[in-house]
Amino acid sequence: MSPAALFGMMRPMSQYEKHVFVCTHGPYCWYDGDVDAIFSTLKRLVSRNGLKDRIRVNRSGCLNQCGHGPMVVIYPEAVWYHLVQVDDVEEIFQAHLLNGQVVERLRYNSPPGNNKTTGHYPSPVHRMKQMEQQLDQERQAARDALRAEIASDAAPTADPPTSPLDA
């Protein structure tokens, strides 16, 4: 059998039928809408409908579409939704996740790549990006300290413990 024929027989592998990402970590989406409520509502709907083994809902970091959020992305279709509000979540769930129909009024159609537009945000919102960078640095320093602690605990000692069987 040719490799092309074999490839045609192979099915894509995935842990879930659909994977939903909600931007909850970016410096701007939180200002545009209640990203935590959007995330928790989607999780609750998936769970309540017995779909936790088929649909995965995750928080995402910044999706580089700042100024168009809150953003929700659904794979494998690669459908991006923008300006999503809590009141839109039920419609996205029913139409897209249950029935495979894109919610066109929320569909995000922009060129691939970084499409940030952040000039319209008030200055206190821009400070959030600086706060997040500081928190990321603190988080990394804490991880590094824990790794060093674990490595020193795992280092062999000069006198290994003896067993009663060695006597």
N, C-alpha and C. Protein backbone atom coordinates (compact mmCIF):
# COMPACT_ATOMS: atom_id res chain seq x y z
N MET A 1 0.85 -1.18 0.00
CA MET A 1 0.00 0.00 0.00
C MET A 1 0.89 1.24 0.00
N SER A 2 0.54 2.21 -0.82
CA SER A 2 1.36 3.42 -0.92
C SER A 2 1.20 4.26 0.35
N PRO A 3 2.24 5.09 0.64
CA PRO A 3 2.12 5.97 1.81
C PRO A 3 0.92 6.90 1.72
N ALA A 4 0.59 7.38 0.52
CA ALA A 4 -0.56 8.27 0.36
C ALA A 4 -1.85 7.55 0.72
N ALA A 5 -1.97 6.30 0.27
CA ALA A 5 -3.17 5.53 0.58
C ALA A 5 -3.25 5.25 2.07
N LEU A 6 -2.10 4.91 2.66
CA LEU A 6 -2.07 4.66 4.10
C LEU A 6 -2.44 5.92 4.86
N PHE A 7 -1.92 7.07 4.44
CA PHE A 7 -2.24 8.33 5.10
C PHE A 7 -3.73 8.63 5.00
N GLY A 8 -4.32 8.33 3.86
CA GLY A 8 -5.75 8.56 3.67
C GLY A 8 -6.60 7.73 4.60
N MET A 9 -6.08 6.58 5.03
CA MET A 9 -6.84 5.71 5.94
C MET A 9 -6.70 6.14 7.39
N MET A 10 -5.66 6.92 7.70
CA MET A 10 -5.39 7.30 9.09
C MET A 10 -6.37 8.38 9.52
N ARG A 11 -6.86 8.26 10.72
CA ARG A 11 -7.75 9.27 11.29
C ARG A 11 -6.94 10.19 12.18
N PRO A 12 -7.27 11.47 12.19
CA PRO A 12 -6.56 12.37 13.10
C PRO A 12 -6.76 11.91 14.54
N MET A 13 -5.71 12.03 15.31
CA MET A 13 -5.80 11.64 16.72
C MET A 13 -6.02 12.88 17.58
N SER A 14 -6.91 12.78 18.52
CA SER A 14 -7.16 13.87 19.44
C SER A 14 -7.73 13.30 20.73
N GLN A 15 -7.48 13.99 21.81
CA GLN A 15 -8.03 13.57 23.10
C GLN A 15 -9.50 13.94 23.23
N TYR A 16 -9.91 14.99 22.50
CA TYR A 16 -11.27 15.50 22.60
C TYR A 16 -11.79 15.79 21.19
N GLU A 17 -13.09 15.75 21.03
CA GLU A 17 -13.69 16.10 19.75
C GLU A 17 -13.57 17.61 19.49
N LYS A 18 -13.70 18.39 20.54
CA LYS A 18 -13.58 19.84 20.42
C LYS A 18 -12.75 20.36 21.59
N HIS A 19 -12.00 21.39 21.30
CA HIS A 19 -11.18 22.03 22.33
C HIS A 19 -11.48 23.53 22.28
N VAL A 20 -11.92 24.08 23.40
CA VAL A 20 -12.33 25.48 23.49
C VAL A 20 -11.32 26.23 24.35
N PHE A 21 -10.85 27.35 23.83
CA PHE A 21 -9.92 28.20 24.57
C PHE A 21 -10.58 29.55 24.82
N VAL A 22 -10.51 30.00 26.07
CA VAL A 22 -11.05 31.30 26.46
C VAL A 22 -9.87 32.14 26.96
N CYS A 23 -9.65 33.28 26.33
CA CYS A 23 -8.56 34.15 26.76
C CYS A 23 -8.92 34.72 28.13
N THR A 24 -8.19 34.26 29.14
CA THR A 24 -8.43 34.76 30.50
C THR A 24 -7.17 35.38 31.10
N HIS A 25 -6.06 35.32 30.38
CA HIS A 25 -4.80 35.76 30.96
C HIS A 25 -4.23 37.00 30.29
N GLY A 26 -4.78 37.38 29.15
CA GLY A 26 -4.25 38.54 28.45
C GLY A 26 -4.45 39.83 29.23
N PRO A 27 -3.71 40.86 28.88
CA PRO A 27 -3.78 42.10 29.64
C PRO A 27 -5.02 42.96 29.36
N TYR A 28 -5.83 42.60 28.37
CA TYR A 28 -6.94 43.46 27.99
C TYR A 28 -8.32 42.78 27.99
N CYS A 29 -8.40 41.49 27.65
CA CYS A 29 -9.71 40.84 27.51
C CYS A 29 -10.57 40.99 28.77
N TRP A 30 -9.95 40.93 29.94
CA TRP A 30 -10.70 41.04 31.19
C TRP A 30 -11.46 42.36 31.27
N TYR A 31 -10.91 43.40 30.65
CA TYR A 31 -11.55 44.72 30.69
C TYR A 31 -12.77 44.75 29.76
N ASP A 32 -12.70 43.97 28.69
CA ASP A 32 -13.77 43.98 27.69
C ASP A 32 -14.98 43.13 28.08
N GLY A 33 -14.80 42.22 29.03
CA GLY A 33 -15.90 41.37 29.47
C GLY A 33 -15.45 40.46 30.59
N ASP A 34 -16.38 39.79 31.19
CA ASP A 34 -16.10 38.93 32.35
C ASP A 34 -15.56 37.58 31.88
N VAL A 35 -14.26 37.52 31.60
CA VAL A 35 -13.66 36.32 31.04
C VAL A 35 -13.77 35.11 31.98
N ASP A 36 -13.70 35.35 33.27
CA ASP A 36 -13.82 34.23 34.21
C ASP A 36 -15.23 33.64 34.18
N ALA A 37 -16.24 34.50 34.06
CA ALA A 37 -17.62 34.00 33.97
C ALA A 37 -17.86 33.30 32.63
N ILE A 38 -17.27 33.81 31.56
CA ILE A 38 -17.39 33.14 30.26
C ILE A 38 -16.81 31.74 30.36
N PHE A 39 -15.61 31.65 30.92
CA PHE A 39 -14.93 30.35 31.08
C PHE A 39 -15.75 29.41 31.96
N SER A 40 -16.16 29.87 33.14
CA SER A 40 -16.86 28.98 34.07
C SER A 40 -18.23 28.57 33.52
N THR A 41 -18.90 29.46 32.80
CA THR A 41 -20.19 29.11 32.21
C THR A 41 -20.03 28.03 31.14
N LEU A 42 -19.02 28.17 30.29
CA LEU A 42 -18.75 27.13 29.29
C LEU A 42 -18.44 25.79 29.95
N LYS A 43 -17.58 25.82 30.98
CA LYS A 43 -17.24 24.58 31.70
C LYS A 43 -18.50 23.94 32.29
N ARG A 44 -19.34 24.76 32.90
CA ARG A 44 -20.55 24.26 33.54
C ARG A 44 -21.50 23.64 32.51
N LEU A 45 -21.68 24.29 31.36
CA LEU A 45 -22.56 23.76 30.31
C LEU A 45 -22.05 22.43 29.77
N VAL A 46 -20.75 22.35 29.55
CA VAL A 46 -20.16 21.09 29.06
C VAL A 46 -20.38 19.99 30.09
N SER A 47 -20.11 20.29 31.34
CA SER A 47 -20.28 19.29 32.40
C SER A 47 -21.73 18.89 32.58
N ARG A 48 -22.62 19.88 32.66
CA ARG A 48 -24.04 19.62 32.89
C ARG A 48 -24.65 18.75 31.78
N ASN A 49 -24.09 18.84 30.58
CA ASN A 49 -24.60 18.08 29.45
C ASN A 49 -23.82 16.78 29.21
N GLY A 50 -22.99 16.39 30.19
CA GLY A 50 -22.28 15.11 30.12
C GLY A 50 -21.26 15.03 28.99
N LEU A 51 -20.63 16.16 28.67
CA LEU A 51 -19.71 16.19 27.53
C LEU A 51 -18.25 16.38 27.93
N LYS A 52 -17.92 16.20 29.21
CA LYS A 52 -16.55 16.44 29.67
C LYS A 52 -15.52 15.53 28.99
N ASP A 53 -15.93 14.36 28.52
CA ASP A 53 -15.00 13.47 27.83
C ASP A 53 -14.91 13.76 26.34
N ARG A 54 -15.74 14.68 25.85
CA ARG A 54 -15.75 14.98 24.42
C ARG A 54 -15.32 16.42 24.11
N ILE A 55 -15.59 17.33 25.04
CA ILE A 55 -15.28 18.75 24.83
C ILE A 55 -14.43 19.23 26.00
N ARG A 56 -13.29 19.81 25.69
CA ARG A 56 -12.39 20.35 26.71
C ARG A 56 -12.42 21.87 26.64
N VAL A 57 -12.62 22.52 27.77
CA VAL A 57 -12.61 23.98 27.86
C VAL A 57 -11.42 24.37 28.71
N ASN A 58 -10.55 25.22 28.14
CA ASN A 58 -9.35 25.66 28.83
C ASN A 58 -9.23 27.17 28.83
N ARG A 59 -8.58 27.67 29.88
CA ARG A 59 -8.15 29.06 29.89
C ARG A 59 -6.96 29.15 28.93
N SER A 60 -6.83 30.28 28.28
CA SER A 60 -5.63 30.47 27.45
C SER A 60 -4.94 31.74 27.89
N GLY A 61 -3.70 31.83 27.53
CA GLY A 61 -2.97 33.07 27.68
C GLY A 61 -3.42 34.02 26.58
N CYS A 62 -2.72 35.11 26.45
CA CYS A 62 -3.06 36.12 25.46
C CYS A 62 -3.02 35.51 24.06
N LEU A 63 -4.05 35.78 23.28
CA LEU A 63 -4.16 35.26 21.92
C LEU A 63 -3.73 36.31 20.89
N ASN A 64 -3.16 37.43 21.34
CA ASN A 64 -2.65 38.51 20.48
C ASN A 64 -3.73 39.13 19.59
N GLN A 65 -4.93 39.21 20.11
CA GLN A 65 -6.03 39.87 19.40
C GLN A 65 -6.62 40.94 20.30
N CYS A 66 -5.80 41.50 21.16
CA CYS A 66 -6.24 42.48 22.15
C CYS A 66 -7.01 43.61 21.47
N GLY A 67 -8.08 44.02 22.12
CA GLY A 67 -8.93 45.06 21.59
C GLY A 67 -10.13 44.51 20.86
N HIS A 68 -10.18 43.20 20.70
CA HIS A 68 -11.29 42.54 20.00
C HIS A 68 -11.97 41.52 20.91
N GLY A 69 -11.57 41.48 22.18
CA GLY A 69 -12.03 40.44 23.07
C GLY A 69 -13.26 40.83 23.85
N PRO A 70 -13.62 39.94 24.71
CA PRO A 70 -13.04 38.64 25.01
C PRO A 70 -13.10 37.68 23.81
N MET A 71 -12.04 36.87 23.73
CA MET A 71 -11.88 35.93 22.62
C MET A 71 -12.17 34.51 23.10
N VAL A 72 -12.84 33.74 22.24
CA VAL A 72 -13.08 32.31 22.44
C VAL A 72 -12.71 31.64 21.12
N VAL A 73 -11.91 30.57 21.19
CA VAL A 73 -11.49 29.86 20.00
C VAL A 73 -11.89 28.40 20.14
N ILE A 74 -12.44 27.83 19.08
CA ILE A 74 -12.89 26.44 19.11
C ILE A 74 -12.17 25.65 18.02
N TYR A 75 -11.51 24.58 18.44
CA TYR A 75 -10.84 23.65 17.53
C TYR A 75 -11.54 22.31 17.59
N PRO A 76 -11.53 21.51 16.54
CA PRO A 76 -10.61 21.57 15.41
C PRO A 76 -11.05 22.51 14.30
N GLU A 77 -12.19 23.16 14.41
CA GLU A 77 -12.67 24.01 13.33
C GLU A 77 -11.87 25.30 13.17
N ALA A 78 -11.12 25.68 14.20
CA ALA A 78 -10.35 26.93 14.19
C ALA A 78 -11.28 28.13 13.99
N VAL A 79 -12.41 28.11 14.67
CA VAL A 79 -13.34 29.24 14.64
C VAL A 79 -13.03 30.15 15.82
N TRP A 80 -12.81 31.41 15.52
CA TRP A 80 -12.52 32.41 16.53
C TRP A 80 -13.75 33.28 16.72
N TYR A 81 -14.11 33.51 18.00
CA TYR A 81 -15.21 34.41 18.34
C TYR A 81 -14.63 35.61 19.08
N HIS A 82 -15.19 36.79 18.82
CA HIS A 82 -14.71 37.99 19.49
C HIS A 82 -15.87 38.75 20.11
N LEU A 83 -15.52 39.65 21.00
CA LEU A 83 -16.51 40.47 21.72
C LEU A 83 -17.52 39.61 22.48
N VAL A 84 -17.10 38.42 22.87
CA VAL A 84 -17.99 37.48 23.56
C VAL A 84 -18.32 38.00 24.95
N GLN A 85 -19.58 37.94 25.29
CA GLN A 85 -20.05 38.31 26.62
C GLN A 85 -20.72 37.09 27.25
N VAL A 86 -20.93 37.14 28.55
CA VAL A 86 -21.52 36.01 29.26
C VAL A 86 -22.86 35.62 28.62
N ASP A 87 -23.63 36.60 28.20
CA ASP A 87 -24.94 36.32 27.59
C ASP A 87 -24.83 35.57 26.26
N ASP A 88 -23.64 35.56 25.65
CA ASP A 88 -23.43 34.87 24.37
C ASP A 88 -23.04 33.40 24.54
N VAL A 89 -22.64 33.02 25.72
CA VAL A 89 -22.07 31.69 25.93
C VAL A 89 -23.07 30.57 25.63
N GLU A 90 -24.29 30.71 26.09
CA GLU A 90 -25.32 29.68 25.83
C GLU A 90 -25.51 29.48 24.33
N GLU A 91 -25.53 30.58 23.57
CA GLU A 91 -25.70 30.48 22.12
C GLU A 91 -24.51 29.77 21.47
N ILE A 92 -23.31 30.09 21.88
CA ILE A 92 -22.12 29.41 21.34
C ILE A 92 -22.18 27.93 21.68
N PHE A 93 -22.56 27.63 22.91
CA PHE A 93 -22.64 26.23 23.32
C PHE A 93 -23.68 25.47 22.49
N GLN A 94 -24.90 26.01 22.43
CA GLN A 94 -25.98 25.32 21.72
C GLN A 94 -25.70 25.21 20.22
N ALA A 95 -25.38 26.35 19.62
CA ALA A 95 -25.21 26.37 18.16
C ALA A 95 -23.94 25.66 17.72
N HIS A 96 -22.81 26.05 18.27
CA HIS A 96 -21.53 25.54 17.77
C HIS A 96 -21.15 24.20 18.39
N LEU A 97 -21.10 24.15 19.70
CA LEU A 97 -20.60 22.93 20.34
C LEU A 97 -21.57 21.76 20.23
N LEU A 98 -22.86 22.02 20.29
CA LEU A 98 -23.82 20.92 20.18
C LEU A 98 -24.24 20.63 18.74
N ASN A 99 -24.35 21.69 17.91
CA ASN A 99 -24.94 21.50 16.58
C ASN A 99 -24.01 21.85 15.42
N GLY A 100 -22.77 22.23 15.71
CA GLY A 100 -21.80 22.47 14.65
C GLY A 100 -22.06 23.69 13.79
N GLN A 101 -22.88 24.62 14.28
CA GLN A 101 -23.21 25.84 13.53
C GLN A 101 -22.44 27.03 14.11
N VAL A 102 -21.70 27.71 13.26
CA VAL A 102 -20.94 28.87 13.70
C VAL A 102 -21.91 30.02 14.02
N VAL A 103 -21.64 30.71 15.11
CA VAL A 103 -22.42 31.89 15.48
C VAL A 103 -21.80 33.07 14.72
N GLU A 104 -22.36 33.35 13.55
CA GLU A 104 -21.75 34.32 12.62
C GLU A 104 -21.64 35.72 13.20
N ARG A 105 -22.58 36.14 14.02
CA ARG A 105 -22.54 37.52 14.54
C ARG A 105 -21.34 37.73 15.47
N LEU A 106 -20.76 36.65 15.99
CA LEU A 106 -19.60 36.75 16.88
C LEU A 106 -18.31 36.28 16.22
N ARG A 107 -18.40 35.75 15.02
CA ARG A 107 -17.22 35.20 14.34
C ARG A 107 -16.21 36.32 14.08
N TYR A 108 -14.96 36.00 14.37
CA TYR A 108 -13.86 36.95 14.21
C TYR A 108 -13.17 36.67 12.89
N ASN A 109 -13.23 37.63 12.00
CA ASN A 109 -12.60 37.49 10.69
C ASN A 109 -11.52 38.56 10.56
N SER A 110 -10.30 38.19 10.82
CA SER A 110 -9.15 39.08 10.69
C SER A 110 -8.03 38.30 10.04
N PRO A 111 -7.06 39.00 9.52
CA PRO A 111 -5.93 38.28 8.92
C PRO A 111 -5.18 37.50 9.99
N PRO A 112 -4.53 36.41 9.61
CA PRO A 112 -3.75 35.64 10.59
C PRO A 112 -2.68 36.50 11.24
N GLY A 113 -2.35 36.16 12.46
CA GLY A 113 -1.27 36.85 13.17
C GLY A 113 -1.78 37.80 14.23
N ASN A 114 -0.88 38.67 14.65
CA ASN A 114 -1.14 39.62 15.72
C ASN A 114 -2.01 40.76 15.19
N ASN A 115 -3.18 40.93 15.75
CA ASN A 115 -4.12 41.98 15.33
C ASN A 115 -4.50 42.88 16.51
N LYS A 116 -3.53 43.15 17.36
CA LYS A 116 -3.81 43.97 18.55
C LYS A 116 -4.13 45.40 18.17
N THR A 117 -5.12 45.94 18.84
CA THR A 117 -5.43 47.38 18.79
C THR A 117 -5.75 47.80 20.22
N THR A 118 -4.78 48.43 20.86
CA THR A 118 -4.92 48.69 22.29
C THR A 118 -4.91 50.17 22.66
N GLY A 119 -4.81 51.05 21.69
CA GLY A 119 -4.72 52.48 21.97
C GLY A 119 -5.94 53.06 22.65
N HIS A 120 -7.07 52.41 22.54
CA HIS A 120 -8.31 52.96 23.10
C HIS A 120 -8.51 52.65 24.58
N TYR A 121 -7.65 51.83 25.16
CA TYR A 121 -7.81 51.47 26.58
C TYR A 121 -7.29 52.57 27.48
N PRO A 122 -7.95 52.80 28.62
CA PRO A 122 -7.46 53.80 29.58
C PRO A 122 -6.10 53.36 30.16
N SER A 123 -5.31 54.31 30.58
CA SER A 123 -3.96 54.01 31.05
C SER A 123 -3.91 53.00 32.19
N PRO A 124 -4.85 53.00 33.14
CA PRO A 124 -4.77 51.97 34.18
C PRO A 124 -4.87 50.54 33.62
N VAL A 125 -5.59 50.37 32.51
CA VAL A 125 -5.69 49.04 31.90
C VAL A 125 -4.34 48.63 31.33
N HIS A 126 -3.62 49.57 30.73
CA HIS A 126 -2.29 49.27 30.19
C HIS A 126 -1.33 48.83 31.29
N ARG A 127 -1.51 49.36 32.50
CA ARG A 127 -0.63 48.96 33.62
C ARG A 127 -0.78 47.48 33.95
N MET A 128 -1.93 46.89 33.60
CA MET A 128 -2.13 45.47 33.87
C MET A 128 -1.06 44.62 33.18
N LYS A 129 -0.66 45.02 31.99
CA LYS A 129 0.38 44.26 31.27
C LYS A 129 1.67 44.25 32.08
N GLN A 130 2.03 45.39 32.66
CA GLN A 130 3.23 45.46 33.49
C GLN A 130 3.08 44.59 34.74
N MET A 131 1.90 44.60 35.35
CA MET A 131 1.66 43.77 36.53
C MET A 131 1.77 42.28 36.18
N GLU A 132 1.23 41.91 35.03
CA GLU A 132 1.30 40.51 34.62
C GLU A 132 2.74 40.08 34.36
N GLN A 133 3.54 40.95 33.76
CA GLN A 133 4.94 40.63 33.53
C GLN A 133 5.68 40.44 34.84
N GLN A 134 5.38 41.29 35.82
CA GLN A 134 6.01 41.16 37.14
C GLN A 134 5.59 39.85 37.80
N LEU A 135 4.31 39.51 37.72
CA LEU A 135 3.83 38.25 38.30
C LEU A 135 4.46 37.05 37.60
N ASP A 136 4.63 37.12 36.29
CA ASP A 136 5.30 36.04 35.56
C ASP A 136 6.73 35.86 36.05
N GLN A 137 7.44 36.95 36.27
CA GLN A 137 8.82 36.88 36.77
C GLN A 137 8.86 36.28 38.18
N GLU A 138 7.92 36.67 39.03
CA GLU A 138 7.86 36.12 40.39
C GLU A 138 7.54 34.63 40.35
N ARG A 139 6.62 34.24 39.47
CA ARG A 139 6.24 32.83 39.33
C ARG A 139 7.45 32.01 38.86
N GLN A 140 8.20 32.54 37.90
CA GLN A 140 9.38 31.83 37.41
C GLN A 140 10.45 31.71 38.49
N ALA A 141 10.66 32.77 39.27
CA ALA A 141 11.63 32.72 40.36
C ALA A 141 11.23 31.67 41.40
N ALA A 142 9.94 31.58 41.71
CA ALA A 142 9.46 30.57 42.67
C ALA A 142 9.68 29.16 42.12
N ARG A 143 9.42 28.95 40.83
CA ARG A 143 9.66 27.62 40.23
C ARG A 143 11.14 27.27 40.29
N ASP A 144 11.99 28.24 39.95
CA ASP A 144 13.43 27.99 39.97
C ASP A 144 13.90 27.62 41.37
N ALA A 145 13.38 28.33 42.39
CA ALA A 145 13.76 28.03 43.77
C ALA A 145 13.31 26.63 44.18
N LEU A 146 12.10 26.24 43.78
CA LEU A 146 11.62 24.89 44.10
C LEU A 146 12.44 23.82 43.38
N ARG A 147 12.80 24.07 42.13
CA ARG A 147 13.64 23.10 41.41
C ARG A 147 14.98 22.92 42.11
N ALA A 148 15.58 24.04 42.54
CA ALA A 148 16.86 23.97 43.24
C ALA A 148 16.72 23.21 44.56
N GLU A 149 15.64 23.45 45.28
CA GLU A 149 15.39 22.75 46.54
C GLU A 149 15.23 21.25 46.31
N ILE A 150 14.47 20.90 45.30
CA ILE A 150 14.26 19.48 44.99
C ILE A 150 15.57 18.83 44.57
N ALA A 151 16.36 19.53 43.77
CA ALA A 151 17.64 18.98 43.32
C ALA A 151 18.59 18.77 44.50
N SER A 152 18.59 19.70 45.46
CA SER A 152 19.50 19.53 46.61
C SER A 152 19.01 18.41 47.52
N ASP A 153 17.69 18.23 47.63
CA ASP A 153 17.16 17.13 48.43
C ASP A 153 17.45 15.78 47.80
N ALA A 154 17.54 15.75 46.49
CA ALA A 154 17.76 14.49 45.77
C ALA A 154 19.23 14.16 45.62
N ALA A 155 20.11 15.10 45.93
CA ALA A 155 21.55 14.86 45.78
C ALA A 155 21.99 13.77 46.75
N PRO A 156 22.88 12.89 46.30
CA PRO A 156 23.35 11.81 47.20
C PRO A 156 24.13 12.39 48.37
N THR A 157 23.99 11.76 49.49
CA THR A 157 24.72 12.19 50.68
C THR A 157 26.08 11.52 50.70
N ALA A 158 26.99 12.06 51.52
CA ALA A 158 28.34 11.51 51.58
C ALA A 158 28.33 10.09 52.14
N ASP A 159 27.54 9.83 53.15
CA ASP A 159 27.46 8.50 53.75
C ASP A 159 26.07 7.93 53.50
N PRO A 160 25.94 7.06 52.50
CA PRO A 160 24.62 6.51 52.25
C PRO A 160 24.14 5.70 53.46
N PRO A 161 22.83 5.67 53.69
CA PRO A 161 22.31 4.91 54.84
C PRO A 161 22.65 3.43 54.67
N THR A 162 22.92 2.82 55.80
CA THR A 162 23.24 1.38 55.75
C THR A 162 22.00 0.58 56.10
N SER A 163 21.98 -0.60 55.60
CA SER A 163 20.86 -1.50 55.84
C SER A 163 21.26 -2.50 56.91
N PRO A 164 20.32 -2.98 57.73
CA PRO A 164 20.65 -4.01 58.72
C PRO A 164 21.20 -5.27 58.02
N LEU A 165 20.90 -5.42 56.75
CA LEU A 165 21.39 -6.59 56.03
C LEU A 165 22.88 -6.50 55.72
N ASP A 166 23.44 -5.26 55.78
CA ASP A 166 24.86 -5.07 55.49
C ASP A 166 25.72 -5.50 56.66
N ALA A 167 25.19 -5.68 57.83
CA ALA A 167 25.98 -6.00 59.03
C ALA A 167 26.49 -7.41 59.04
